[in-house]
Amino acid sequence: SLGDRVARIGQLPFLGGLVLREDDEPRRAHRGNSAQRLLSLRGALAVPAPLAEALAEHPGPVLLVDDFTDTGWTIAVAAGL
């Protein structure tokens, strides 16, 4: 994954990735204004248990990596998790 490669290059531990809930897959292609895009992300991302455990073991700043950025809402929502 892109995150894994960035972690290796930056000599950072790769803790894992967020998951897109399967029932929210159709929302991924949703287009609209900023408010509509933010609304489409509500509840769409999840922190899997192994990642939650890794985050608990590595308190402190984390580097979030998104392989595609358009409006920035995905990374903003991810940061809030």
N, C-alpha and C. Protein backbone atom coordinates (compact mmCIF):
# COMPACT_ATOMS: atom_id res chain seq x y z
N SER A 1 0.84 -1.19 0.00
CA SER A 1 0.00 0.00 0.00
C SER A 1 0.88 1.25 0.00
N LEU A 2 0.29 2.35 -0.39
CA LEU A 2 1.02 3.61 -0.40
C LEU A 2 1.48 3.96 1.01
N GLY A 3 0.61 3.76 2.00
CA GLY A 3 0.98 4.06 3.38
C GLY A 3 2.16 3.24 3.86
N ASP A 4 2.18 1.98 3.49
CA ASP A 4 3.29 1.10 3.88
C ASP A 4 4.60 1.58 3.25
N ARG A 5 4.55 1.97 1.99
CA ARG A 5 5.76 2.45 1.32
C ARG A 5 6.25 3.76 1.92
N VAL A 6 5.33 4.68 2.22
CA VAL A 6 5.71 5.95 2.84
C VAL A 6 6.34 5.69 4.21
N ALA A 7 5.76 4.76 4.96
CA ALA A 7 6.30 4.42 6.28
C ALA A 7 7.72 3.87 6.17
N ARG A 8 7.93 2.97 5.21
CA ARG A 8 9.27 2.40 5.03
C ARG A 8 10.29 3.48 4.67
N ILE A 9 9.94 4.33 3.74
CA ILE A 9 10.86 5.39 3.32
C ILE A 9 11.14 6.35 4.47
N GLY A 10 10.11 6.68 5.23
CA GLY A 10 10.26 7.60 6.35
C GLY A 10 10.72 6.95 7.63
N GLN A 11 10.97 5.65 7.58
CA GLN A 11 11.40 4.87 8.74
C GLN A 11 10.43 5.04 9.91
N LEU A 12 9.15 4.90 9.60
CA LEU A 12 8.07 4.99 10.58
C LEU A 12 7.39 3.63 10.68
N PRO A 13 6.82 3.30 11.83
CA PRO A 13 6.07 2.05 11.90
C PRO A 13 4.77 2.17 11.11
N PHE A 14 4.47 1.15 10.32
CA PHE A 14 3.19 1.12 9.61
C PHE A 14 2.20 0.41 10.52
N LEU A 15 1.18 1.13 10.96
CA LEU A 15 0.23 0.58 11.92
C LEU A 15 -0.97 -0.08 11.27
N GLY A 16 -1.26 0.26 10.04
CA GLY A 16 -2.40 -0.33 9.36
C GLY A 16 -3.21 0.73 8.65
N GLY A 17 -4.38 0.35 8.22
CA GLY A 17 -5.23 1.27 7.47
C GLY A 17 -6.66 1.24 7.93
N LEU A 18 -7.36 2.31 7.64
CA LEU A 18 -8.79 2.37 7.90
C LEU A 18 -9.50 1.52 6.86
N VAL A 19 -10.72 1.16 7.14
CA VAL A 19 -11.49 0.39 6.17
C VAL A 19 -12.76 1.16 5.80
N LEU A 20 -13.16 1.00 4.56
CA LEU A 20 -14.42 1.54 4.08
C LEU A 20 -15.47 0.46 4.33
N ARG A 21 -16.47 0.81 5.09
CA ARG A 21 -17.51 -0.19 5.39
C ARG A 21 -18.16 -0.65 4.09
N GLU A 22 -18.33 -1.94 3.96
CA GLU A 22 -18.83 -2.52 2.71
C GLU A 22 -20.17 -1.96 2.29
N ASP A 23 -21.04 -1.71 3.26
CA ASP A 23 -22.37 -1.20 2.92
C ASP A 23 -22.32 0.24 2.41
N ASP A 24 -21.16 0.89 2.54
CA ASP A 24 -21.01 2.27 2.08
C ASP A 24 -20.25 2.38 0.77
N GLU A 25 -19.93 1.27 0.14
CA GLU A 25 -19.15 1.29 -1.10
C GLU A 25 -19.77 2.18 -2.19
N PRO A 26 -21.09 2.15 -2.41
CA PRO A 26 -21.65 3.01 -3.46
C PRO A 26 -21.43 4.50 -3.20
N ARG A 27 -21.29 4.89 -1.94
CA ARG A 27 -21.09 6.30 -1.62
C ARG A 27 -19.74 6.80 -2.12
N ARG A 28 -18.82 5.91 -2.32
CA ARG A 28 -17.47 6.29 -2.70
C ARG A 28 -17.45 7.15 -3.96
N ALA A 29 -18.32 6.87 -4.87
CA ALA A 29 -18.34 7.61 -6.13
C ALA A 29 -19.23 8.85 -6.06
N HIS A 30 -19.81 9.12 -4.90
CA HIS A 30 -20.73 10.25 -4.76
C HIS A 30 -20.03 11.57 -5.06
N ARG A 31 -20.66 12.38 -5.83
CA ARG A 31 -20.13 13.71 -6.12
C ARG A 31 -21.20 14.73 -5.73
N GLY A 32 -20.77 15.89 -5.39
CA GLY A 32 -21.69 16.95 -5.02
C GLY A 32 -20.91 18.08 -4.39
N ASN A 33 -21.62 18.94 -3.69
CA ASN A 33 -20.91 20.03 -3.04
C ASN A 33 -20.21 19.52 -1.78
N SER A 34 -19.49 20.40 -1.14
CA SER A 34 -18.67 20.01 0.01
C SER A 34 -19.51 19.39 1.13
N ALA A 35 -20.64 19.98 1.42
CA ALA A 35 -21.50 19.45 2.49
C ALA A 35 -22.02 18.06 2.15
N GLN A 36 -22.37 17.83 0.89
CA GLN A 36 -22.86 16.52 0.47
C GLN A 36 -21.76 15.48 0.54
N ARG A 37 -20.54 15.86 0.19
CA ARG A 37 -19.43 14.91 0.27
C ARG A 37 -19.14 14.55 1.72
N LEU A 38 -19.17 15.54 2.60
CA LEU A 38 -18.95 15.27 4.02
C LEU A 38 -20.04 14.35 4.55
N LEU A 39 -21.28 14.63 4.22
CA LEU A 39 -22.40 13.79 4.66
C LEU A 39 -22.25 12.36 4.16
N SER A 40 -21.75 12.19 2.94
CA SER A 40 -21.60 10.84 2.39
C SER A 40 -20.54 10.03 3.13
N LEU A 41 -19.64 10.70 3.83
CA LEU A 41 -18.58 10.00 4.57
C LEU A 41 -18.99 9.63 5.99
N ARG A 42 -20.10 10.19 6.46
CA ARG A 42 -20.52 9.92 7.83
C ARG A 42 -20.75 8.42 8.03
N GLY A 43 -19.96 7.84 8.92
CA GLY A 43 -20.08 6.42 9.23
C GLY A 43 -19.48 5.49 8.19
N ALA A 44 -18.86 6.04 7.15
CA ALA A 44 -18.34 5.20 6.07
C ALA A 44 -16.97 4.59 6.38
N LEU A 45 -16.19 5.23 7.25
CA LEU A 45 -14.86 4.74 7.59
C LEU A 45 -14.87 4.09 8.96
N ALA A 46 -14.06 3.06 9.11
CA ALA A 46 -13.97 2.36 10.39
C ALA A 46 -12.52 2.05 10.73
N VAL A 47 -12.25 2.00 12.03
CA VAL A 47 -10.92 1.62 12.52
C VAL A 47 -10.99 0.15 12.88
N PRO A 48 -10.31 -0.73 12.13
CA PRO A 48 -10.34 -2.15 12.46
C PRO A 48 -9.63 -2.40 13.80
N ALA A 49 -10.01 -3.48 14.47
CA ALA A 49 -9.47 -3.80 15.79
C ALA A 49 -7.94 -3.84 15.83
N PRO A 50 -7.26 -4.48 14.87
CA PRO A 50 -5.79 -4.50 14.93
C PRO A 50 -5.18 -3.09 14.87
N LEU A 51 -5.79 -2.21 14.09
CA LEU A 51 -5.29 -0.84 14.02
C LEU A 51 -5.54 -0.11 15.33
N ALA A 52 -6.71 -0.31 15.93
CA ALA A 52 -7.01 0.32 17.22
C ALA A 52 -6.00 -0.11 18.27
N GLU A 53 -5.65 -1.39 18.27
CA GLU A 53 -4.65 -1.90 19.23
C GLU A 53 -3.28 -1.29 18.96
N ALA A 54 -2.89 -1.19 17.70
CA ALA A 54 -1.59 -0.61 17.35
C ALA A 54 -1.53 0.86 17.74
N LEU A 55 -2.63 1.58 17.55
CA LEU A 55 -2.66 2.99 17.94
C LEU A 55 -2.55 3.15 19.45
N ALA A 56 -3.15 2.23 20.19
CA ALA A 56 -3.05 2.28 21.65
C ALA A 56 -1.62 2.04 22.12
N GLU A 57 -0.89 1.22 21.38
CA GLU A 57 0.50 0.91 21.73
C GLU A 57 1.48 1.99 21.26
N HIS A 58 1.06 2.84 20.34
CA HIS A 58 1.93 3.89 19.79
C HIS A 58 1.25 5.25 19.95
N PRO A 59 1.13 5.72 21.19
CA PRO A 59 0.48 7.03 21.37
C PRO A 59 1.35 8.14 20.75
N GLY A 60 0.72 9.17 20.36
CA GLY A 60 1.47 10.28 19.78
C GLY A 60 0.99 10.58 18.38
N PRO A 61 1.73 11.40 17.68
CA PRO A 61 1.30 11.79 16.34
C PRO A 61 1.33 10.60 15.37
N VAL A 62 0.42 10.63 14.42
CA VAL A 62 0.41 9.63 13.35
C VAL A 62 0.39 10.37 12.01
N LEU A 63 0.92 9.72 11.01
CA LEU A 63 0.91 10.27 9.65
C LEU A 63 -0.20 9.58 8.89
N LEU A 64 -1.19 10.34 8.46
CA LEU A 64 -2.29 9.79 7.66
C LEU A 64 -1.94 9.98 6.18
N VAL A 65 -2.16 8.93 5.40
CA VAL A 65 -1.85 8.97 3.97
C VAL A 65 -3.11 8.58 3.20
N ASP A 66 -3.48 9.40 2.24
CA ASP A 66 -4.62 9.10 1.37
C ASP A 66 -4.09 9.00 -0.05
N ASP A 67 -4.44 7.95 -0.76
CA ASP A 67 -3.90 7.77 -2.11
C ASP A 67 -4.55 8.68 -3.14
N PHE A 68 -5.66 9.32 -2.78
CA PHE A 68 -6.32 10.26 -3.68
C PHE A 68 -6.97 11.34 -2.85
N THR A 69 -6.70 12.58 -3.18
CA THR A 69 -7.31 13.69 -2.46
C THR A 69 -7.96 14.63 -3.45
N ASP A 70 -9.23 14.91 -3.20
CA ASP A 70 -9.98 15.84 -4.04
C ASP A 70 -10.37 17.04 -3.19
N THR A 71 -11.27 16.82 -2.24
CA THR A 71 -11.72 17.91 -1.38
C THR A 71 -11.00 17.92 -0.04
N GLY A 72 -10.41 16.79 0.35
CA GLY A 72 -9.75 16.70 1.65
C GLY A 72 -10.66 16.20 2.76
N TRP A 73 -11.93 15.95 2.44
CA TRP A 73 -12.86 15.51 3.48
C TRP A 73 -12.54 14.12 4.01
N THR A 74 -12.09 13.23 3.17
CA THR A 74 -11.79 11.87 3.63
C THR A 74 -10.70 11.90 4.69
N ILE A 75 -9.63 12.63 4.45
CA ILE A 75 -8.53 12.69 5.41
C ILE A 75 -8.97 13.43 6.67
N ALA A 76 -9.82 14.44 6.53
CA ALA A 76 -10.32 15.17 7.69
C ALA A 76 -11.18 14.27 8.57
N VAL A 77 -12.05 13.48 7.95
CA VAL A 77 -12.89 12.54 8.70
C VAL A 77 -12.02 11.47 9.34
N ALA A 78 -11.05 10.97 8.60
CA ALA A 78 -10.13 9.95 9.14
C ALA A 78 -9.39 10.48 10.36
N ALA A 79 -8.97 11.72 10.32
CA ALA A 79 -8.25 12.31 11.45
C ALA A 79 -9.13 12.39 12.68
N GLY A 80 -10.42 12.53 12.48
CA GLY A 80 -11.35 12.61 13.60
C GLY A 80 -11.63 11.28 14.26
N LEU A 81 -11.27 10.18 13.61
CA LEU A 81 -11.53 8.87 14.19
C LEU A 81 -10.51 8.60 15.27
